[in-house]
């Protein structure tokens, strides 16, 4: 039996429509973005109701994540893990 050598996780295609160049000063703005990601994920039927965002020191988005556990058949594809992995890749 050949074991898989790669794992490929993706965010939904609607993520490409987002305009995330703004700054998000303060906790309220940051949490509002995460909630918006969760709402869009549910509305688009692309995952569960969880969104996550990694910000830099200048209040700008480094990476985002949404829940993809069922869609990707991967128990690690939680929103915060997706955001962390994408932020690590970007940084």
PDB file of N, CA and C in Angstrom:
ATOM      1  N   UNK A   1       0.849  -1.177   0.000  1.00  0.00           N
ATOM      2  CA  UNK A   1       0.000   0.000   0.000  1.00  0.00           C
ATOM      3  C   UNK A   1       0.899   1.246   0.000  1.00  0.00           C
ATOM      4  N   UNK A   2       0.551   2.167  -0.863  1.00  0.00           N
ATOM      5  CA  UNK A   2       1.285   3.439  -0.940  1.00  0.00           C
ATOM      6  C   UNK A   2       0.641   4.445   0.008  1.00  0.00           C
ATOM      7  N   UNK A   3       1.438   5.009   0.886  1.00  0.00           N
ATOM      8  CA  UNK A   3       0.935   6.031   1.795  1.00  0.00           C
ATOM      9  C   UNK A   3       1.037   7.396   1.140  1.00  0.00           C
ATOM     10  N   UNK A   4       0.071   8.292   1.389  1.00  0.00           N
ATOM     11  CA  UNK A   4       0.142   9.638   0.814  1.00  0.00           C
ATOM     12  C   UNK A   4       1.354  10.380   1.369  1.00  0.00           C
ATOM     13  N   UNK A   5       2.008  11.151   0.521  1.00  0.00           N
ATOM     14  CA  UNK A   5       3.195  11.905   0.905  1.00  0.00           C
ATOM     15  C   UNK A   5       2.946  13.393   1.006  1.00  0.00           C
ATOM     16  N   UNK A   6       1.749  13.815   0.660  1.00  0.00           N
ATOM     17  CA  UNK A   6       1.431  15.235   0.693  1.00  0.00           C
ATOM     18  C   UNK A   6       0.043  15.443   1.268  1.00  0.00           C
ATOM     19  N   UNK A   7      -0.143  16.635   1.788  1.00  0.00           N
ATOM     20  CA  UNK A   7      -1.453  17.070   2.259  1.00  0.00           C
ATOM     21  C   UNK A   7      -1.686  18.438   1.658  1.00  0.00           C
ATOM     22  N   UNK A   8      -2.819  18.631   1.021  1.00  0.00           N
ATOM     23  CA  UNK A   8      -3.116  19.891   0.355  1.00  0.00           C
ATOM     24  C   UNK A   8      -4.399  20.470   0.943  1.00  0.00           C
ATOM     25  N   UNK A   9      -4.267  21.574   1.671  1.00  0.00           N
ATOM     26  CA  UNK A   9      -5.420  22.248   2.258  1.00  0.00           C
ATOM     27  C   UNK A   9      -5.634  23.577   1.551  1.00  0.00           C
ATOM     28  N   UNK A  10      -6.882  23.945   1.369  1.00  0.00           N
ATOM     29  CA  UNK A  10      -7.191  25.202   0.683  1.00  0.00           C
ATOM     30  C   UNK A  10      -8.277  25.966   1.422  1.00  0.00           C
ATOM     31  N   UNK A  11      -8.274  27.264   1.213  1.00  0.00           N
ATOM     32  CA  UNK A  11      -9.386  28.113   1.644  1.00  0.00           C
ATOM     33  C   UNK A  11     -10.391  28.158   0.505  1.00  0.00           C
ATOM     34  N   UNK A  12     -11.630  28.515   0.786  1.00  0.00           N
ATOM     35  CA  UNK A  12     -12.638  28.591  -0.282  1.00  0.00           C
ATOM     36  C   UNK A  12     -12.300  29.672  -1.313  1.00  0.00           C
ATOM     37  N   UNK A  13     -12.790  29.512  -2.510  1.00  0.00           N
ATOM     38  CA  UNK A  13     -12.499  30.473  -3.581  1.00  0.00           C
ATOM     39  C   UNK A  13     -13.029  31.869  -3.299  1.00  0.00           C
ATOM     40  N   UNK A  14     -14.087  31.999  -2.507  1.00  0.00           N
ATOM     41  CA  UNK A  14     -14.629  33.335  -2.228  1.00  0.00           C
ATOM     42  C   UNK A  14     -13.631  34.206  -1.476  1.00  0.00           C
ATOM     43  N   UNK A  15     -12.624  33.626  -0.882  1.00  0.00           N
ATOM     44  CA  UNK A  15     -11.601  34.394  -0.169  1.00  0.00           C
ATOM     45  C   UNK A  15     -10.898  35.370  -1.115  1.00  0.00           C
ATOM     46  N   UNK A  16     -10.768  34.986  -2.391  1.00  0.00           N
ATOM     47  CA  UNK A  16     -10.115  35.862  -3.369  1.00  0.00           C
ATOM     48  C   UNK A  16     -10.883  37.162  -3.607  1.00  0.00           C
ATOM     49  N   UNK A  17     -12.158  37.190  -3.270  1.00  0.00           N
ATOM     50  CA  UNK A  17     -12.981  38.393  -3.446  1.00  0.00           C
ATOM     51  C   UNK A  17     -12.773  39.419  -2.334  1.00  0.00           C
ATOM     52  N   UNK A  18     -12.155  39.027  -1.233  1.00  0.00           N
ATOM     53  CA  UNK A  18     -12.016  39.904  -0.077  1.00  0.00           C
ATOM     54  C   UNK A  18     -10.990  41.006  -0.312  1.00  0.00           C
ATOM     55  N   UNK A  19     -11.293  42.175   0.203  1.00  0.00           N
ATOM     56  CA  UNK A  19     -10.368  43.311   0.187  1.00  0.00           C
ATOM     57  C   UNK A  19      -9.814  43.462   1.601  1.00  0.00           C
ATOM     58  N   UNK A  20      -8.586  43.027   1.835  1.00  0.00           N
ATOM     59  CA  UNK A  20      -8.037  42.987   3.184  1.00  0.00           C
ATOM     60  C   UNK A  20      -6.831  43.902   3.353  1.00  0.00           C
ATOM     61  N   UNK A  21      -6.731  44.950   2.541  1.00  0.00           N
ATOM     62  CA  UNK A  21      -5.588  45.853   2.616  1.00  0.00           C
ATOM     63  C   UNK A  21      -5.708  46.880   3.744  1.00  0.00           C
ATOM     64  N   UNK A  22      -6.876  47.032   4.302  1.00  0.00           N
ATOM     65  CA  UNK A  22      -7.118  48.039   5.347  1.00  0.00           C
ATOM     66  C   UNK A  22      -6.382  47.676   6.631  1.00  0.00           C
ATOM     67  N   UNK A  23      -6.321  48.634   7.535  1.00  0.00           N
ATOM     68  CA  UNK A  23      -5.846  48.332   8.880  1.00  0.00           C
ATOM     69  C   UNK A  23      -7.064  48.076   9.753  1.00  0.00           C
ATOM     70  N   UNK A  24      -6.857  47.297  10.798  1.00  0.00           N
ATOM     71  CA  UNK A  24      -7.929  46.921  11.705  1.00  0.00           C
ATOM     72  C   UNK A  24      -7.509  47.274  13.129  1.00  0.00           C
ATOM     73  N   UNK A  25      -7.555  48.578  13.452  1.00  0.00           N
ATOM     74  CA  UNK A  25      -7.125  48.994  14.786  1.00  0.00           C
ATOM     75  C   UNK A  25      -8.148  48.595  15.854  1.00  0.00           C
ATOM     76  N   UNK A  26      -7.669  48.067  16.940  1.00  0.00           N
ATOM     77  CA  UNK A  26      -8.545  47.717  18.056  1.00  0.00           C
ATOM     78  C   UNK A  26      -9.120  46.322  17.941  1.00  0.00           C
ATOM     79  N   UNK A  27      -9.418  45.762  19.091  1.00  0.00           N
ATOM     80  CA  UNK A  27      -9.951  44.404  19.149  1.00  0.00           C
ATOM     81  C   UNK A  27     -11.297  44.267  18.454  1.00  0.00           C
ATOM     82  N   UNK A  28     -12.149  45.286  18.564  1.00  0.00           N
ATOM     83  CA  UNK A  28     -13.489  45.197  17.969  1.00  0.00           C
ATOM     84  C   UNK A  28     -13.417  45.022  16.449  1.00  0.00           C
ATOM     85  N   UNK A  29     -12.547  45.773  15.789  1.00  0.00           N
ATOM     86  CA  UNK A  29     -12.410  45.663  14.334  1.00  0.00           C
ATOM     87  C   UNK A  29     -11.849  44.300  13.945  1.00  0.00           C
ATOM     88  N   UNK A  30     -10.909  43.815  14.724  1.00  0.00           N
ATOM     89  CA  UNK A  30     -10.295  42.516  14.435  1.00  0.00           C
ATOM     90  C   UNK A  30     -11.307  41.378  14.593  1.00  0.00           C
ATOM     91  N   UNK A  31     -12.039  41.398  15.688  1.00  0.00           N
ATOM     92  CA  UNK A  31     -13.037  40.359  15.930  1.00  0.00           C
ATOM     93  C   UNK A  31     -14.156  40.436  14.891  1.00  0.00           C
ATOM     94  N   UNK A  32     -14.543  41.636  14.499  1.00  0.00           N
ATOM     95  CA  UNK A  32     -15.590  41.796  13.475  1.00  0.00           C
ATOM     96  C   UNK A  32     -15.174  41.134  12.160  1.00  0.00           C
ATOM     97  N   UNK A  33     -13.904  41.249  11.790  1.00  0.00           N
ATOM     98  CA  UNK A  33     -13.430  40.600  10.559  1.00  0.00           C
ATOM     99  C   UNK A  33     -13.514  39.085  10.701  1.00  0.00           C
ATOM    100  N   UNK A  34     -13.092  38.538  11.819  1.00  0.00           N
ATOM    101  CA  UNK A  34     -13.167  37.092  12.031  1.00  0.00           C
ATOM    102  C   UNK A  34     -14.614  36.603  11.972  1.00  0.00           C
ATOM    103  N   UNK A  35     -15.523  37.362  12.551  1.00  0.00           N
ATOM    104  CA  UNK A  35     -16.943  37.002  12.518  1.00  0.00           C
ATOM    105  C   UNK A  35     -17.481  37.064  11.087  1.00  0.00           C
ATOM    106  N   UNK A  36     -17.069  38.070  10.340  1.00  0.00           N
ATOM    107  CA  UNK A  36     -17.489  38.177   8.931  1.00  0.00           C
ATOM    108  C   UNK A  36     -16.998  36.975   8.121  1.00  0.00           C
ATOM    109  N   UNK A  37     -15.774  36.549   8.364  1.00  0.00           N
ATOM    110  CA  UNK A  37     -15.252  35.363   7.669  1.00  0.00           C
ATOM    111  C   UNK A  37     -16.093  34.132   8.000  1.00  0.00           C
ATOM    112  N   UNK A  38     -16.438  33.976   9.272  1.00  0.00           N
ATOM    113  CA  UNK A  38     -17.266  32.843   9.693  1.00  0.00           C
ATOM    114  C   UNK A  38     -18.635  32.891   9.023  1.00  0.00           C
ATOM    115  N   UNK A  39     -19.242  34.079   8.987  1.00  0.00           N
ATOM    116  CA  UNK A  39     -20.558  34.234   8.354  1.00  0.00           C
ATOM    117  C   UNK A  39     -20.501  33.865   6.877  1.00  0.00           C
ATOM    118  N   UNK A  40     -19.481  34.370   6.191  1.00  0.00           N
ATOM    119  CA  UNK A  40     -19.359  34.077   4.755  1.00  0.00           C
ATOM    120  C   UNK A  40     -19.124  32.594   4.506  1.00  0.00           C
ATOM    121  N   UNK A  41     -18.366  31.959   5.385  1.00  0.00           N
ATOM    122  CA  UNK A  41     -18.099  30.535   5.229  1.00  0.00           C
ATOM    123  C   UNK A  41     -19.386  29.727   5.323  1.00  0.00           C
ATOM    124  N   UNK A  42     -20.252  30.096   6.243  1.00  0.00           N
ATOM    125  CA  UNK A  42     -21.534  29.403   6.394  1.00  0.00           C
ATOM    126  C   UNK A  42     -22.452  29.734   5.227  1.00  0.00           C
ATOM    127  N   UNK A  43     -22.553  31.020   4.889  1.00  0.00           N
ATOM    128  CA  UNK A  43     -23.431  31.433   3.785  1.00  0.00           C
ATOM    129  C   UNK A  43     -23.053  30.757   2.470  1.00  0.00           C
ATOM    130  N   UNK A  44     -21.760  30.597   2.236  1.00  0.00           N
ATOM    131  CA  UNK A  44     -21.288  29.982   0.996  1.00  0.00           C
ATOM    132  C   UNK A  44     -21.291  28.452   1.065  1.00  0.00           C
ATOM    133  N   UNK A  45     -21.621  27.924   2.249  1.00  0.00           N
ATOM    134  CA  UNK A  45     -21.633  26.473   2.464  1.00  0.00           C
ATOM    135  C   UNK A  45     -20.268  25.847   2.182  1.00  0.00           C
ATOM    136  N   UNK A  46     -19.218  26.548   2.633  1.00  0.00           N
ATOM    137  CA  UNK A  46     -17.858  26.068   2.412  1.00  0.00           C
ATOM    138  C   UNK A  46     -17.169  25.658   3.705  1.00  0.00           C
ATOM    139  N   UNK A  47     -17.933  25.571   4.786  1.00  0.00           N
ATOM    140  CA  UNK A  47     -17.340  25.138   6.056  1.00  0.00           C
ATOM    141  C   UNK A  47     -18.143  25.605   7.243  1.00  0.00           C
ATOM    142  N   UNK A  48     -17.580  25.336   8.396  1.00  0.00           N
ATOM    143  CA  UNK A  48     -18.254  25.660   9.644  1.00  0.00           C
ATOM    144  C   UNK A  48     -18.184  27.128  10.013  1.00  0.00           C
ATOM    145  N   UNK A  49     -18.882  27.504  11.086  1.00  0.00           N
ATOM    146  CA  UNK A  49     -19.032  28.910  11.470  1.00  0.00           C
ATOM    147  C   UNK A  49     -17.876  29.444  12.320  1.00  0.00           C
ATOM    148  N   UNK A  50     -16.660  29.321  11.809  1.00  0.00           N
ATOM    149  CA  UNK A  50     -15.502  29.836  12.531  1.00  0.00           C
ATOM    150  C   UNK A  50     -14.572  30.525  11.544  1.00  0.00           C
ATOM    151  N   UNK A  51     -14.117  31.735  11.915  1.00  0.00           N
ATOM    152  CA  UNK A  51     -13.134  32.463  11.133  1.00  0.00           C
ATOM    153  C   UNK A  51     -12.003  32.893  12.047  1.00  0.00           C
ATOM    154  N   UNK A  52     -10.823  33.034  11.498  1.00  0.00           N
ATOM    155  CA  UNK A  52      -9.661  33.452  12.282  1.00  0.00           C
ATOM    156  C   UNK A  52      -8.773  34.351  11.434  1.00  0.00           C
ATOM    157  N   UNK A  53      -8.066  35.255  12.102  1.00  0.00           N
ATOM    158  CA  UNK A  53      -7.187  36.188  11.402  1.00  0.00           C
ATOM    159  C   UNK A  53      -5.905  36.361  12.210  1.00  0.00           C
ATOM    160  N   UNK A  54      -4.775  36.403  11.520  1.00  0.00           N
ATOM    161  CA  UNK A  54      -3.492  36.750  12.140  1.00  0.00           C
ATOM    162  C   UNK A  54      -3.152  38.153  11.653  1.00  0.00           C
ATOM    163  N   UNK A  55      -2.885  39.045  12.605  1.00  0.00           N
ATOM    164  CA  UNK A  55      -2.540  40.429  12.294  1.00  0.00           C
ATOM    165  C   UNK A  55      -1.076  40.686  12.637  1.00  0.00           C
ATOM    166  N   UNK A  56      -0.486  41.672  11.964  1.00  0.00           N
ATOM    167  CA  UNK A  56       0.863  42.087  12.339  1.00  0.00           C
ATOM    168  C   UNK A  56       0.783  43.245  13.332  1.00  0.00           C
ATOM    169  N   UNK A  57       1.937  43.759  13.722  1.00  0.00           N
ATOM    170  CA  UNK A  57       1.996  44.835  14.722  1.00  0.00           C
ATOM    171  C   UNK A  57       1.372  46.135  14.221  1.00  0.00           C
ATOM    172  N   UNK A  58       1.208  46.271  12.902  1.00  0.00           N
ATOM    173  CA  UNK A  58       0.604  47.466  12.303  1.00  0.00           C
ATOM    174  C   UNK A  58      -0.893  47.303  12.061  1.00  0.00           C
ATOM    175  N   UNK A  59      -1.495  46.295  12.672  1.00  0.00           N
ATOM    176  CA  UNK A  59      -2.935  46.027  12.546  1.00  0.00           C
ATOM    177  C   UNK A  59      -3.368  45.659  11.141  1.00  0.00           C
ATOM    178  N   UNK A  60      -2.456  45.085  10.372  1.00  0.00           N
ATOM    179  CA  UNK A  60      -2.777  44.625   9.020  1.00  0.00           C
ATOM    180  C   UNK A  60      -2.879  43.098   9.004  1.00  0.00           C
ATOM    181  N   UNK A  61      -3.678  42.598   8.089  1.00  0.00           N
ATOM    182  CA  UNK A  61      -3.887  41.153   7.971  1.00  0.00           C
ATOM    183  C   UNK A  61      -2.640  40.487   7.398  1.00  0.00           C
ATOM    184  N   UNK A  62      -2.178  39.463   8.097  1.00  0.00           N
ATOM    185  CA  UNK A  62      -1.092  38.623   7.594  1.00  0.00           C
ATOM    186  C   UNK A  62      -1.697  37.407   6.905  1.00  0.00           C
ATOM    187  N   UNK A  63      -2.698  36.798   7.542  1.00  0.00           N
ATOM    188  CA  UNK A  63      -3.352  35.610   6.980  1.00  0.00           C
ATOM    189  C   UNK A  63      -4.725  35.447   7.606  1.00  0.00           C
ATOM    190  N   UNK A  64      -5.572  34.736   6.893  1.00  0.00           N
ATOM    191  CA  UNK A  64      -6.908  34.421   7.400  1.00  0.00           C
ATOM    192  C   UNK A  64      -7.116  32.922   7.334  1.00  0.00           C
ATOM    193  N   UNK A  65      -8.118  32.467   8.070  1.00  0.00           N
ATOM    194  CA  UNK A  65      -8.501  31.066   8.001  1.00  0.00           C
ATOM    195  C   UNK A  65      -9.982  30.930   8.286  1.00  0.00           C
ATOM    196  N   UNK A  66     -10.570  29.902   7.734  1.00  0.00           N
ATOM    197  CA  UNK A  66     -11.947  29.531   8.038  1.00  0.00           C
ATOM    198  C   UNK A  66     -11.975  28.029   8.253  1.00  0.00           C
ATOM    199  N   UNK A  67     -13.003  27.555   8.936  1.00  0.00           N
ATOM    200  CA  UNK A  67     -13.104  26.141   9.227  1.00  0.00           C
ATOM    201  C   UNK A  67     -13.307  25.340   7.946  1.00  0.00           C
ATOM    202  N   UNK A  68     -12.438  24.335   7.740  1.00  0.00           N
ATOM    203  CA  UNK A  68     -12.503  23.496   6.536  1.00  0.00           C
ATOM    204  C   UNK A  68     -12.436  22.016   6.876  1.00  0.00           C
ATOM    205  N   UNK A  69     -12.726  21.661   8.134  1.00  0.00           N
ATOM    206  CA  UNK A  69     -12.568  20.295   8.620  1.00  0.00           C
ATOM    207  C   UNK A  69     -13.325  19.290   7.757  1.00  0.00           C
ATOM    208  N   UNK A  70     -14.613  19.471   7.590  1.00  0.00           N
ATOM    209  CA  UNK A  70     -15.408  18.508   6.826  1.00  0.00           C
ATOM    210  C   UNK A  70     -15.107  18.572   5.333  1.00  0.00           C
ATOM    211  N   UNK A  71     -14.963  19.776   4.812  1.00  0.00           N
ATOM    212  CA  UNK A  71     -14.751  19.952   3.368  1.00  0.00           C
ATOM    213  C   UNK A  71     -13.415  19.374   2.916  1.00  0.00           C
ATOM    214  N   UNK A  72     -12.410  19.400   3.781  1.00  0.00           N
ATOM    215  CA  UNK A  72     -11.076  18.906   3.430  1.00  0.00           C
ATOM    216  C   UNK A  72     -10.796  17.521   4.031  1.00  0.00           C
ATOM    217  N   UNK A  73     -11.780  16.979   4.762  1.00  0.00           N
ATOM    218  CA  UNK A  73     -11.611  15.685   5.445  1.00  0.00           C
ATOM    219  C   UNK A  73     -10.326  15.660   6.260  1.00  0.00           C
ATOM    220  N   UNK A  74     -10.140  16.717   7.048  1.00  0.00           N
ATOM    221  CA  UNK A  74      -8.918  16.866   7.827  1.00  0.00           C
ATOM    222  C   UNK A  74      -9.257  17.479   9.182  1.00  0.00           C
ATOM    223  N   UNK A  75      -9.013  16.732  10.246  1.00  0.00           N
ATOM    224  CA  UNK A  75      -9.361  17.212  11.575  1.00  0.00           C
ATOM    225  C   UNK A  75      -8.506  18.398  12.013  1.00  0.00           C
ATOM    226  N   UNK A  76      -7.413  18.682  11.329  1.00  0.00           N
ATOM    227  CA  UNK A  76      -6.557  19.826  11.672  1.00  0.00           C
ATOM    228  C   UNK A  76      -6.970  21.108  10.959  1.00  0.00           C
ATOM    229  N   UNK A  77      -7.929  21.050  10.059  1.00  0.00           N
ATOM    230  CA  UNK A  77      -8.276  22.205   9.221  1.00  0.00           C
ATOM    231  C   UNK A  77      -9.232  23.172   9.920  1.00  0.00           C
ATOM    232  N   UNK A  78      -8.958  23.442  11.191  1.00  0.00           N
ATOM    233  CA  UNK A  78      -9.722  24.448  11.930  1.00  0.00           C
ATOM    234  C   UNK A  78      -9.278  25.834  11.478  1.00  0.00           C
ATOM    235  N   UNK A  79     -10.137  26.808  11.633  1.00  0.00           N
ATOM    236  CA  UNK A  79      -9.867  28.165  11.153  1.00  0.00           C
ATOM    237  C   UNK A  79      -8.555  28.720  11.687  1.00  0.00           C
ATOM    238  N   UNK A  80      -8.331  28.599  12.993  1.00  0.00           N
ATOM    239  CA  UNK A  80      -7.119  29.192  13.571  1.00  0.00           C
ATOM    240  C   UNK A  80      -5.862  28.470  13.090  1.00  0.00           C
ATOM    241  N   UNK A  81      -5.937  27.166  12.892  1.00  0.00           N
ATOM    242  CA  UNK A  81      -4.781  26.416  12.397  1.00  0.00           C
ATOM    243  C   UNK A  81      -4.496  26.801  10.949  1.00  0.00           C
ATOM    244  N   UNK A  82      -5.541  26.941  10.159  1.00  0.00           N
ATOM    245  CA  UNK A  82      -5.368  27.374   8.764  1.00  0.00           C
ATOM    246  C   UNK A  82      -4.699  28.749   8.733  1.00  0.00           C
ATOM    247  N   UNK A  83      -5.170  29.678   9.570  1.00  0.00           N
ATOM    248  CA  UNK A  83      -4.584  31.024   9.604  1.00  0.00           C
ATOM    249  C   UNK A  83      -3.130  30.980  10.059  1.00  0.00           C
ATOM    250  N   UNK A  84      -2.828  30.191  11.095  1.00  0.00           N
ATOM    251  CA  UNK A  84      -1.444  30.084  11.573  1.00  0.00           C
ATOM    252  C   UNK A  84      -0.527  29.521  10.489  1.00  0.00           C
ATOM    253  N   UNK A  85      -0.961  28.449   9.831  1.00  0.00           N
ATOM    254  CA  UNK A  85      -0.119  27.829   8.799  1.00  0.00           C
ATOM    255  C   UNK A  85       0.129  28.788   7.639  1.00  0.00           C
ATOM    256  N   UNK A  86      -0.909  29.505   7.221  1.00  0.00           N
ATOM    257  CA  UNK A  86      -0.738  30.452   6.122  1.00  0.00           C
ATOM    258  C   UNK A  86       0.134  31.630   6.528  1.00  0.00           C
ATOM    259  N   UNK A  87       0.023  32.072   7.773  1.00  0.00           N
ATOM    260  CA  UNK A  87       0.881  33.154   8.257  1.00  0.00           C
ATOM    261  C   UNK A  87       2.335  32.714   8.306  1.00  0.00           C
ATOM    262  N   UNK A  88       2.583  31.507   8.779  1.00  0.00           N
ATOM    263  CA  UNK A  88       3.959  30.980   8.811  1.00  0.00           C
ATOM    264  C   UNK A  88       4.532  30.897   7.408  1.00  0.00           C
ATOM    265  N   UNK A  89       3.734  30.436   6.475  1.00  0.00           N
ATOM    266  CA  UNK A  89       4.181  30.333   5.089  1.00  0.00           C
ATOM    267  C   UNK A  89       4.515  31.708   4.514  1.00  0.00           C
ATOM    268  N   UNK A  90       3.696  32.682   4.842  1.00  0.00           N
ATOM    269  CA  UNK A  90       3.890  34.042   4.316  1.00  0.00           C
ATOM    270  C   UNK A  90       5.088  34.748   4.953  1.00  0.00           C
ATOM    271  N   UNK A  91       5.292  34.487   6.243  1.00  0.00           N
ATOM    272  CA  UNK A  91       6.362  35.186   6.954  1.00  0.00           C
ATOM    273  C   UNK A  91       7.710  34.501   6.707  1.00  0.00           C
TER     274      UNK A  91
END
